[in-house]
Amino acid sequence: MSRVGKKLINIPPEATVSYENSVVAVKGKKGALKRSIHPDIDIVIEDRVLKVIAVIGDRKNNALQGLTRSLISNMITGVTDGFERVLEINGIGYRAALNGNCIEFNLGYSHSINFDLPEGVSAAISKNNAITLSGIDKEKIGLTAASIRRLRPPEPYKGKGIKYAEEHIRKKAGKTGTK
């Protein structure tokens, strides 16, 4: 059995979880999320505790059990507390500005880049070089952060580009002139 899948999920009092026809719906103070799950996985909700069960105990279903447990746990955390991801922009003249639901980036190209935020993700920019993405869907925030980072990934010589706040860029030594 999956170690992660065997863990029980405690449902906080401010969240409600319902399960019908292979669809899990979670509602909380920040919003609501729905996700369909694999038919080989079953969910039991008793006394504010959720348990994920694999119907057939083979290797594939054990992996699905752990995945489903993690997804539901992230849904509950999202609707109660929310998620945040911070990106940093490093480089001279590199900056970002928020225009409604669009972020305008100046990243050293000959043109500025406009990035439209998906629905359910909000952004805050501080000091023109720190972007904080927040929302209730962890998957959507992660995909948005990866898409923004892909606009100008950090380069290994000077560290210029967009990186995650917790990411460490290993810098390479530059070219040496030998004669």
C-alpha atoms as a PDB file:
ATOM      1  CA  MET A   1       0.000   0.000   0.000  1.00  0.00           C
ATOM      2  CA  SER A   2       0.988   3.582  -0.501  1.00  0.00           C
ATOM      3  CA  ARG A   3       2.439   5.276   2.573  1.00  0.00           C
ATOM      4  CA  VAL A   4       1.100   8.645   1.522  1.00  0.00           C
ATOM      5  CA  GLY A   5      -2.266   7.162   0.551  1.00  0.00           C
ATOM      6  CA  LYS A   6      -2.756   5.529   3.961  1.00  0.00           C
ATOM      7  CA  LYS A   7      -2.536   8.867   5.811  1.00  0.00           C
ATOM      8  CA  LEU A   8      -5.857  10.245   6.940  1.00  0.00           C
ATOM      9  CA  ILE A   9      -6.901  13.784   6.022  1.00  0.00           C
ATOM     10  CA  ASN A  10      -8.435  15.854   8.806  1.00  0.00           C
ATOM     11  CA  ILE A  11     -11.098  18.168   7.401  1.00  0.00           C
ATOM     12  CA  PRO A  12     -11.019  21.564   9.158  1.00  0.00           C
ATOM     13  CA  PRO A  13     -14.316  23.013  10.419  1.00  0.00           C
ATOM     14  CA  GLU A  14     -14.316  25.818   7.826  1.00  0.00           C
ATOM     15  CA  ALA A  15     -14.201  23.347   4.900  1.00  0.00           C
ATOM     16  CA  THR A  16     -16.834  20.968   3.536  1.00  0.00           C
ATOM     17  CA  VAL A  17     -16.012  17.960   1.358  1.00  0.00           C
ATOM     18  CA  SER A  18     -18.504  15.993  -0.722  1.00  0.00           C
ATOM     19  CA  TYR A  19     -17.957  12.950  -2.932  1.00  0.00           C
ATOM     20  CA  GLU A  20     -20.400  11.812  -5.624  1.00  0.00           C
ATOM     21  CA  ASN A  21     -19.934   9.907  -8.897  1.00  0.00           C
ATOM     22  CA  SER A  22     -16.102  10.003  -8.781  1.00  0.00           C
ATOM     23  CA  VAL A  23     -16.098  13.792  -8.279  1.00  0.00           C
ATOM     24  CA  VAL A  24     -14.693  15.397  -5.136  1.00  0.00           C
ATOM     25  CA  ALA A  25     -15.997  18.879  -4.316  1.00  0.00           C
ATOM     26  CA  VAL A  26     -14.360  21.004  -1.617  1.00  0.00           C
ATOM     27  CA  LYS A  27     -15.789  24.322  -0.393  1.00  0.00           C
ATOM     28  CA  GLY A  28     -14.188  26.742   2.016  1.00  0.00           C
ATOM     29  CA  LYS A  29     -13.885  30.396   2.945  1.00  0.00           C
ATOM     30  CA  LYS A  30     -11.645  31.204  -0.076  1.00  0.00           C
ATOM     31  CA  GLY A  31     -13.686  29.389  -2.725  1.00  0.00           C
ATOM     32  CA  ALA A  32     -14.631  25.998  -4.125  1.00  0.00           C
ATOM     33  CA  LEU A  33     -12.760  23.356  -6.120  1.00  0.00           C
ATOM     34  CA  LYS A  34     -13.883  20.209  -7.960  1.00  0.00           C
ATOM     35  CA  ARG A  35     -11.821  17.315  -9.286  1.00  0.00           C
ATOM     36  CA  SER A  36     -12.757  13.989 -10.822  1.00  0.00           C
ATOM     37  CA  ILE A  37     -10.804  11.004  -9.533  1.00  0.00           C
ATOM     38  CA  HIS A  38      -9.935   7.612 -10.990  1.00  0.00           C
ATOM     39  CA  PRO A  39     -12.725   5.001 -10.740  1.00  0.00           C
ATOM     40  CA  ASP A  40     -10.387   2.504  -9.022  1.00  0.00           C
ATOM     41  CA  ILE A  41     -10.079   4.862  -6.023  1.00  0.00           C
ATOM     42  CA  ASP A  42     -12.780   5.221  -3.384  1.00  0.00           C
ATOM     43  CA  ILE A  43     -13.181   7.865  -0.684  1.00  0.00           C
ATOM     44  CA  VAL A  44     -14.744   7.467   2.756  1.00  0.00           C
ATOM     45  CA  ILE A  45     -15.694  10.521   4.856  1.00  0.00           C
ATOM     46  CA  GLU A  46     -16.466   9.918   8.546  1.00  0.00           C
ATOM     47  CA  ASP A  47     -16.398  12.367  11.480  1.00  0.00           C
ATOM     48  CA  ARG A  48     -14.454  15.161   9.677  1.00  0.00           C
ATOM     49  CA  VAL A  49     -11.806  12.611   8.576  1.00  0.00           C
ATOM     50  CA  LEU A  50     -11.285  11.598   4.951  1.00  0.00           C
ATOM     51  CA  LYS A  51      -9.735   8.281   3.956  1.00  0.00           C
ATOM     52  CA  VAL A  52      -8.615   7.344   0.428  1.00  0.00           C
ATOM     53  CA  ILE A  53      -8.911   3.649  -0.441  1.00  0.00           C
ATOM     54  CA  ALA A  54      -7.588   1.733  -3.464  1.00  0.00           C
ATOM     55  CA  VAL A  55     -10.295  -0.717  -4.624  1.00  0.00           C
ATOM     56  CA  ILE A  56      -7.721  -3.140  -6.072  1.00  0.00           C
ATOM     57  CA  GLY A  57      -4.368  -3.258  -4.275  1.00  0.00           C
ATOM     58  CA  ASP A  58      -1.955  -3.485  -7.207  1.00  0.00           C
ATOM     59  CA  ARG A  59       1.058  -1.252  -7.842  1.00  0.00           C
ATOM     60  CA  LYS A  60      -0.721   1.190 -10.181  1.00  0.00           C
ATOM     61  CA  ASN A  61      -3.671   1.713  -7.856  1.00  0.00           C
ATOM     62  CA  ASN A  62      -1.399   2.208  -4.853  1.00  0.00           C
ATOM     63  CA  ALA A  63       0.290   5.032  -6.761  1.00  0.00           C
ATOM     64  CA  LEU A  64      -3.121   6.480  -7.667  1.00  0.00           C
ATOM     65  CA  GLN A  65      -4.155   6.254  -4.011  1.00  0.00           C
ATOM     66  CA  GLY A  66      -1.185   8.393  -2.912  1.00  0.00           C
ATOM     67  CA  LEU A  67      -1.715  10.861  -5.756  1.00  0.00           C
ATOM     68  CA  THR A  68      -5.431  11.225  -4.992  1.00  0.00           C
ATOM     69  CA  ARG A  69      -4.736  11.750  -1.288  1.00  0.00           C
ATOM     70  CA  SER A  70      -2.213  14.503  -2.072  1.00  0.00           C
ATOM     71  CA  LEU A  71      -4.550  16.214  -4.545  1.00  0.00           C
ATOM     72  CA  ILE A  72      -7.469  16.231  -2.092  1.00  0.00           C
ATOM     73  CA  SER A  73      -5.228  17.456   0.726  1.00  0.00           C
ATOM     74  CA  ASN A  74      -4.016  20.321  -1.494  1.00  0.00           C
ATOM     75  CA  MET A  75      -7.617  21.171  -2.401  1.00  0.00           C
ATOM     76  CA  ILE A  76      -8.567  21.412   1.279  1.00  0.00           C
ATOM     77  CA  THR A  77      -5.501  23.530   2.084  1.00  0.00           C
ATOM     78  CA  GLY A  78      -6.239  25.770  -0.916  1.00  0.00           C
ATOM     79  CA  VAL A  79      -9.835  26.597   0.007  1.00  0.00           C
ATOM     80  CA  THR A  80      -8.963  27.215   3.674  1.00  0.00           C
ATOM     81  CA  ASP A  81      -5.538  28.929   3.551  1.00  0.00           C
ATOM     82  CA  GLY A  82      -4.631  29.389  -0.117  1.00  0.00           C
ATOM     83  CA  PHE A  83      -1.263  29.012  -1.813  1.00  0.00           C
ATOM     84  CA  GLU A  84       1.490  31.473  -2.733  1.00  0.00           C
ATOM     85  CA  ARG A  85       4.491  31.312  -5.039  1.00  0.00           C
ATOM     86  CA  VAL A  86       7.125  34.068  -5.167  1.00  0.00           C
ATOM     87  CA  LEU A  87       9.292  34.792  -8.217  1.00  0.00           C
ATOM     88  CA  GLU A  88      12.242  37.197  -8.360  1.00  0.00           C
ATOM     89  CA  ILE A  89      13.479  39.143 -11.364  1.00  0.00           C
ATOM     90  CA  ASN A  90      17.255  39.713 -11.424  1.00  0.00           C
ATOM     91  CA  GLY A  91      19.036  41.909 -13.958  1.00  0.00           C
ATOM     92  CA  ILE A  92      19.645  45.556 -14.712  1.00  0.00           C
ATOM     93  CA  GLY A  93      16.549  47.073 -16.320  1.00  0.00           C
ATOM     94  CA  TYR A  94      14.500  43.905 -15.809  1.00  0.00           C
ATOM     95  CA  ARG A  95      11.155  44.731 -14.207  1.00  0.00           C
ATOM     96  CA  ALA A  96       7.463  43.908 -14.130  1.00  0.00           C
ATOM     97  CA  ALA A  97       4.301  45.998 -13.825  1.00  0.00           C
ATOM     98  CA  LEU A  98       0.758  44.879 -13.118  1.00  0.00           C
ATOM     99  CA  ASN A  99      -1.961  46.160 -15.491  1.00  0.00           C
ATOM    100  CA  GLY A 100      -5.302  44.743 -14.323  1.00  0.00           C
ATOM    101  CA  ASN A 101      -5.186  41.001 -15.023  1.00  0.00           C
ATOM    102  CA  CYS A 102      -2.016  41.278 -17.116  1.00  0.00           C
ATOM    103  CA  ILE A 103       1.651  41.525 -16.129  1.00  0.00           C
ATOM    104  CA  GLU A 104       3.938  43.571 -18.383  1.00  0.00           C
ATOM    105  CA  PHE A 105       7.564  42.384 -18.333  1.00  0.00           C
ATOM    106  CA  ASN A 106      10.661  44.256 -19.506  1.00  0.00           C
ATOM    107  CA  LEU A 107      13.295  41.524 -19.675  1.00  0.00           C
ATOM    108  CA  GLY A 108      16.025  42.891 -21.914  1.00  0.00           C
ATOM    109  CA  TYR A 109      14.319  42.056 -25.180  1.00  0.00           C
ATOM    110  CA  SER A 110      13.595  44.740 -27.782  1.00  0.00           C
ATOM    111  CA  HIS A 111       9.917  44.582 -26.797  1.00  0.00           C
ATOM    112  CA  SER A 112       7.909  44.211 -23.616  1.00  0.00           C
ATOM    113  CA  ILE A 113       6.059  40.957 -22.897  1.00  0.00           C
ATOM    114  CA  ASN A 114       2.435  40.961 -21.754  1.00  0.00           C
ATOM    115  CA  PHE A 115       1.453  37.892 -19.714  1.00  0.00           C
ATOM    116  CA  ASP A 116      -2.264  37.313 -19.055  1.00  0.00           C
ATOM    117  CA  LEU A 117      -2.979  35.699 -15.693  1.00  0.00           C
ATOM    118  CA  PRO A 118      -5.337  32.709 -15.777  1.00  0.00           C
ATOM    119  CA  GLU A 119      -8.633  32.823 -13.914  1.00  0.00           C
ATOM    120  CA  GLY A 120      -8.207  32.030 -10.230  1.00  0.00           C
ATOM    121  CA  VAL A 121      -4.626  33.333  -9.987  1.00  0.00           C
ATOM    122  CA  SER A 122      -3.857  36.815  -8.676  1.00  0.00           C
ATOM    123  CA  ALA A 123      -0.530  38.597  -8.615  1.00  0.00           C
ATOM    124  CA  ALA A 124       1.117  41.285  -6.525  1.00  0.00           C
ATOM    125  CA  ILE A 125       4.358  43.007  -7.512  1.00  0.00           C
ATOM    126  CA  SER A 126       6.679  44.632  -4.995  1.00  0.00           C
ATOM    127  CA  LYS A 127       9.758  46.717  -5.809  1.00  0.00           C
ATOM    128  CA  ASN A 128       9.288  46.025  -9.572  1.00  0.00           C
ATOM    129  CA  ASN A 129      11.192  42.748  -9.217  1.00  0.00           C
ATOM    130  CA  ALA A 130       9.276  40.421  -6.843  1.00  0.00           C
ATOM    131  CA  ILE A 131       6.102  38.756  -8.104  1.00  0.00           C
ATOM    132  CA  THR A 132       3.791  36.994  -5.647  1.00  0.00           C
ATOM    133  CA  LEU A 133       1.259  34.662  -7.237  1.00  0.00           C
ATOM    134  CA  SER A 134      -1.637  33.542  -5.024  1.00  0.00           C
ATOM    135  CA  GLY A 135      -4.793  31.490  -5.370  1.00  0.00           C
ATOM    136  CA  ILE A 136      -6.592  28.375  -4.182  1.00  0.00           C
ATOM    137  CA  ASP A 137      -5.480  25.881  -6.874  1.00  0.00           C
ATOM    138  CA  LYS A 138      -1.886  24.755  -6.266  1.00  0.00           C
ATOM    139  CA  GLU A 139      -1.578  23.180  -9.709  1.00  0.00           C
ATOM    140  CA  LYS A 140      -2.678  26.357 -11.507  1.00  0.00           C
ATOM    141  CA  ILE A 141      -0.291  28.526  -9.481  1.00  0.00           C
ATOM    142  CA  GLY A 142       2.619  26.198 -10.198  1.00  0.00           C
ATOM    143  CA  LEU A 143       1.891  26.160 -13.936  1.00  0.00           C
ATOM    144  CA  THR A 144       1.578  29.941 -14.024  1.00  0.00           C
ATOM    145  CA  ALA A 145       4.856  30.391 -12.125  1.00  0.00           C
ATOM    146  CA  ALA A 146       6.621  27.982 -14.498  1.00  0.00           C
ATOM    147  CA  SER A 147       5.232  29.841 -17.530  1.00  0.00           C
ATOM    148  CA  ILE A 148       6.459  33.184 -16.168  1.00  0.00           C
ATOM    149  CA  ARG A 149       9.903  31.713 -15.364  1.00  0.00           C
ATOM    150  CA  ARG A 150      10.106  30.352 -18.928  1.00  0.00           C
ATOM    151  CA  LEU A 151       9.918  33.933 -20.319  1.00  0.00           C
ATOM    152  CA  ARG A 152      13.539  34.529 -19.250  1.00  0.00           C
ATOM    153  CA  PRO A 153      15.115  31.624 -17.310  1.00  0.00           C
ATOM    154  CA  PRO A 154      18.101  32.527 -15.125  1.00  0.00           C
ATOM    155  CA  GLU A 155      21.407  32.237 -16.926  1.00  0.00           C
ATOM    156  CA  PRO A 156      24.357  30.598 -15.113  1.00  0.00           C
ATOM    157  CA  TYR A 157      27.021  33.310 -15.577  1.00  0.00           C
ATOM    158  CA  LYS A 158      25.466  36.426 -14.028  1.00  0.00           C
ATOM    159  CA  GLY A 159      22.211  34.979 -12.683  1.00  0.00           C
ATOM    160  CA  LYS A 160      20.062  37.351 -14.760  1.00  0.00           C
ATOM    161  CA  GLY A 161      16.480  36.263 -15.406  1.00  0.00           C
ATOM    162  CA  ILE A 162      13.356  35.153 -13.528  1.00  0.00           C
ATOM    163  CA  LYS A 163      13.784  32.612 -10.755  1.00  0.00           C
ATOM    164  CA  TYR A 164      11.770  31.193  -7.870  1.00  0.00           C
ATOM    165  CA  ALA A 165      12.511  32.929  -4.553  1.00  0.00           C
ATOM    166  CA  GLU A 166      13.762  29.710  -2.945  1.00  0.00           C
ATOM    167  CA  GLU A 167      15.799  28.669  -6.004  1.00  0.00           C
ATOM    168  CA  HIS A 168      19.590  28.913  -5.866  1.00  0.00           C
ATOM    169  CA  ILE A 169      21.438  29.582  -9.119  1.00  0.00           C
ATOM    170  CA  ARG A 170      24.862  27.933  -9.292  1.00  0.00           C
ATOM    171  CA  LYS A 171      27.054  30.395 -11.125  1.00  0.00           C
ATOM    172  CA  LYS A 172      29.729  29.240 -13.562  1.00  0.00           C
ATOM    173  CA  ALA A 173      33.171  30.770 -13.889  1.00  0.00           C
ATOM    174  CA  GLY A 174      33.526  33.044 -16.874  1.00  0.00           C
ATOM    175  CA  LYS A 175      35.910  32.623 -19.756  1.00  0.00           C
ATOM    176  CA  THR A 176      39.587  33.180 -18.861  1.00  0.00           C
ATOM    177  CA  GLY A 177      41.974  34.689 -21.331  1.00  0.00           C
ATOM    178  CA  THR A 178      45.134  32.562 -21.617  1.00  0.00           C
ATOM    179  CA  LYS A 179      47.914  33.302 -24.080  1.00  0.00           C
END
